[in-house]
Structure formats: structure tokens, C-alpha cells
Amino acid sequence: MSSQVLVLLLGSAVIAALVSAAVGLLTQYWTARLQVAARRRELYAKALEACAAYRELPYAIRRRRHDQPEEERIRLSETLRSIQQQLAFYTAWIETESAEVAASYRALVQATRRLAGGHMHSAWEAAAPQSDAQMNITGIEYAELAPLEAAYLASVRDHLALWWVRFW
């Protein structure tokens, strides 16, 4: 075999190895990026779930059992404490992921606490239901939160968008 053929074969092998390594590295990078995006999607969804749980508390308070007032106060207070802990946890975690997403989440949490807190106060003042007919609840309105929730979801979408999508 001539030296030119040997150099050509060796060069081809080196190029093939470099291409193979580049493809492997790109695949690893892409896989890691998809895993990070999946983790973030789950984080952002669970954070929104905590806001939804907080909004449900006025209903739970209003529908508390009338025959066990002390136990119900403890149960509902512990539920409230747990949800507030979740809200604080997700607020802090999101802050480490994205300042823009964190700002929209904080705005949503603040408004949710203000509105739901007022409804919770009213629910505690109302008598616990003693019949099925008293289980119907009116007057709890969260329409004000819709634009804040939409802004949060938009900031999440922007944050999760692929880098080349952000520039288009």
C-alpha cells in the first residue's frame, strides 16, 4: 500500500471519529436540554397547582363539618399552612430559574392571596353547612386572576422556548 493511500485511510478514520464524537456530544446536549425543559415544565405546573389549591380553600372552609368545629379549624389551618409553604417554596425555586417567570408568578401569588384570603375570611364568618342545600356557594369570583395566570403561562412558554424560537 502506498503512503498516500495510508494517509487517506488514516485521515478518513480521523474525520469519521470526529463526526461520530460531534454527533454523540450533540445528542447528549439535546437530551440534557430536553430533560431540563421537562423538569422546568413540571416545576411551573406544580407552582400553578399550588395557586389553584389556595383558591379552593374558601370552598373547603365554607363546607367544613358543623359537628366538629375544633377539628375542622385544625385540619383547615394545617391545609392552609401546607399550601402557603408550597407557594413560598415554588416562589423561591422559580426565582432561581428565571427572573421574568418569577416576577409573573409573584404577581399571581400576591393577587391570589389577596382575593382568596378575603373569601376565606368570609367563609370562616359563615356558619358551617348542616344540609345539602347549604353546600352551594356563591359570591367567590376569581376572574381578576385570569390575566395574571395568562401572563405567568406566557412567561413560562417564553422561558421554555428553544433559543432559536426566541429570536424569530
Protein backbone atom coordinates (compact mmCIF):
# COMPACT_ATOMS: atom_id res chain seq x y z
CA MET A 1 0.00 0.00 0.00
CA SER A 2 1.29 3.38 -0.84
CA SER A 3 1.79 6.06 1.74
CA GLN A 4 -0.81 8.26 0.05
CA VAL A 5 -3.48 5.58 0.45
CA LEU A 6 -2.45 5.05 4.07
CA VAL A 7 -2.67 8.78 4.78
CA LEU A 8 -6.05 8.92 3.03
CA LEU A 9 -7.38 5.98 5.08
CA LEU A 10 -5.99 7.41 8.31
CA GLY A 11 -7.45 10.86 7.52
CA SER A 12 -10.83 9.32 6.73
CA ALA A 13 -10.77 7.42 10.03
CA VAL A 14 -9.94 10.59 11.95
CA ILE A 15 -12.72 12.52 10.22
CA ALA A 16 -15.19 9.70 10.90
CA ALA A 17 -14.17 9.66 14.56
CA LEU A 18 -14.58 13.43 14.85
CA VAL A 19 -18.00 13.35 13.19
CA SER A 20 -19.06 10.48 15.44
CA ALA A 21 -17.88 12.33 18.54
CA ALA A 22 -19.64 15.52 17.45
CA VAL A 23 -22.90 13.66 16.85
CA GLY A 24 -22.59 11.96 20.25
CA LEU A 25 -21.95 15.25 22.02
CA LEU A 26 -24.85 16.96 20.26
CA THR A 27 -27.14 14.07 21.16
CA GLN A 28 -26.08 14.26 24.81
CA TYR A 29 -26.55 18.02 24.84
CA TRP A 30 -30.01 17.77 23.26
CA THR A 31 -31.09 15.00 25.64
CA ALA A 32 -29.92 17.01 28.66
CA ARG A 33 -31.73 20.10 27.36
CA LEU A 34 -34.96 18.13 26.94
CA GLN A 35 -34.64 16.76 30.48
CA VAL A 36 -34.10 20.24 31.91
CA ALA A 37 -37.11 21.53 29.98
CA ALA A 38 -39.26 18.66 31.27
CA ARG A 39 -38.16 19.37 34.85
CA ARG A 40 -38.98 23.05 34.42
CA ARG A 41 -42.40 22.31 32.89
CA GLU A 42 -43.23 20.17 35.89
CA LEU A 43 -41.99 22.86 38.29
CA TYR A 44 -44.08 25.57 36.64
CA ALA A 45 -47.18 23.36 36.50
CA LYS A 46 -46.88 22.41 40.19
CA ALA A 47 -46.43 26.06 41.11
CA LEU A 48 -49.67 26.87 39.31
CA GLU A 49 -51.30 23.90 41.05
CA ALA A 50 -50.36 25.43 44.43
CA CYS A 51 -52.14 28.67 43.43
CA ALA A 52 -55.20 26.68 42.41
CA ALA A 53 -55.17 24.84 45.76
CA TYR A 54 -55.06 28.18 47.58
CA ARG A 55 -58.09 29.37 45.57
CA GLU A 56 -60.02 26.27 46.65
CA LEU A 57 -59.61 26.96 50.37
CA PRO A 58 -62.65 29.27 50.71
CA TYR A 59 -64.80 26.42 49.41
CA ALA A 60 -63.26 23.95 51.84
CA ILE A 61 -63.69 26.36 54.74
CA ARG A 62 -67.28 27.11 53.84
CA ARG A 63 -68.06 23.38 53.54
CA ARG A 64 -66.42 22.40 56.82
CA ARG A 65 -68.17 19.98 59.11
CA HIS A 66 -70.50 21.68 61.57
CA ASP A 67 -70.33 18.91 64.16
CA GLN A 68 -66.54 19.07 64.71
CA PRO A 69 -65.58 22.75 64.76
CA GLU A 70 -62.27 22.38 66.63
CA GLU A 71 -61.06 19.52 64.45
CA GLU A 72 -62.08 21.37 61.31
CA ARG A 73 -60.24 24.53 62.36
CA ILE A 74 -57.09 22.48 62.93
CA ARG A 75 -57.48 20.50 59.69
CA LEU A 76 -58.12 23.54 57.55
CA SER A 77 -55.41 25.59 59.26
CA GLU A 78 -52.90 22.81 58.57
CA THR A 79 -54.05 22.62 54.96
CA LEU A 80 -53.61 26.38 54.64
CA ARG A 81 -50.16 26.20 56.23
CA SER A 82 -49.11 23.46 53.82
CA ILE A 83 -50.32 25.37 50.76
CA GLN A 84 -48.63 28.58 51.93
CA GLN A 85 -45.42 26.59 52.37
CA GLN A 86 -45.77 25.28 48.80
CA LEU A 87 -46.33 28.80 47.47
CA ALA A 88 -43.18 30.03 49.22
CA PHE A 89 -41.21 27.01 48.00
CA TYR A 90 -42.23 27.47 44.37
CA THR A 91 -41.72 31.23 44.52
CA ALA A 92 -38.13 30.72 45.68
CA TRP A 93 -37.40 27.89 43.25
CA ILE A 94 -38.78 29.78 40.26
CA GLU A 95 -36.64 32.76 41.24
CA THR A 96 -33.56 30.56 40.64
CA GLU A 97 -34.83 29.53 37.21
CA SER A 98 -35.94 32.82 35.64
CA ALA A 99 -36.40 36.36 36.90
CA GLU A 100 -39.18 37.00 34.34
CA VAL A 101 -41.15 33.89 35.26
CA ALA A 102 -40.60 34.64 38.95
CA ALA A 103 -41.99 38.16 38.57
CA SER A 104 -45.17 36.92 36.88
CA TYR A 105 -45.56 34.13 39.44
CA ARG A 106 -45.13 36.53 42.37
CA ALA A 107 -47.81 38.80 40.88
CA LEU A 108 -50.16 35.84 40.50
CA VAL A 109 -49.49 34.59 44.05
CA GLN A 110 -49.95 38.06 45.54
CA ALA A 111 -53.29 38.58 43.82
CA THR A 112 -54.39 35.03 44.65
CA ARG A 113 -53.59 35.56 48.32
CA ARG A 114 -55.44 38.86 48.37
CA LEU A 115 -58.58 37.56 46.69
CA ALA A 116 -58.72 34.09 48.22
CA GLY A 117 -57.76 35.50 51.62
CA GLY A 118 -60.80 37.76 51.58
CA HIS A 119 -63.01 34.86 50.54
CA MET A 120 -61.51 32.70 53.30
CA HIS A 121 -62.28 35.38 55.85
CA SER A 122 -65.90 35.48 54.70
CA ALA A 123 -66.10 31.68 54.67
CA TRP A 124 -64.93 31.47 58.30
CA GLU A 125 -67.57 34.00 59.30
CA ALA A 126 -70.34 31.99 57.63
CA ALA A 127 -71.97 29.16 59.54
CA ALA A 128 -70.89 25.67 58.61
CA PRO A 129 -73.49 23.94 56.46
CA GLN A 130 -75.85 21.48 58.06
CA SER A 131 -77.73 20.38 54.94
CA ASP A 132 -77.04 19.60 51.31
CA ALA A 133 -78.81 22.76 50.19
CA GLN A 134 -76.32 24.85 52.18
CA MET A 135 -73.39 23.35 50.26
CA ASN A 136 -73.99 25.63 47.27
CA ILE A 137 -71.60 28.53 47.39
CA THR A 138 -71.91 31.80 45.50
CA GLY A 139 -70.01 35.03 45.52
CA ILE A 140 -66.49 33.65 45.06
CA GLU A 141 -65.04 35.20 41.94
CA TYR A 142 -61.52 34.84 40.57
CA ALA A 143 -61.89 36.40 37.10
CA GLU A 144 -59.36 39.06 38.13
CA LEU A 145 -56.71 36.34 38.25
CA ALA A 146 -57.18 35.21 34.62
CA PRO A 147 -54.87 37.85 33.07
CA LEU A 148 -52.21 37.20 35.71
CA GLU A 149 -52.41 33.47 35.12
CA ALA A 150 -52.17 34.06 31.36
CA ALA A 151 -49.13 36.30 31.89
CA TYR A 152 -47.49 33.63 34.04
CA LEU A 153 -48.11 30.95 31.40
CA ALA A 154 -46.81 33.25 28.66
CA SER A 155 -43.61 33.88 30.61
CA VAL A 156 -43.26 30.14 31.16
CA ARG A 157 -43.70 29.47 27.43
CA ASP A 158 -41.11 32.13 26.61
CA HIS A 159 -38.68 30.68 29.12
CA LEU A 160 -39.12 27.14 27.83
CA ALA A 161 -38.92 28.10 24.14
CA LEU A 162 -35.88 26.88 22.27
CA TRP A 163 -33.25 29.54 21.84
CA TRP A 164 -33.74 29.83 18.09
CA VAL A 165 -37.51 30.21 18.54
CA ARG A 166 -36.98 33.20 20.86
CA PHE A 167 -35.26 35.12 18.07
CA TRP A 168 -37.97 34.61 15.45
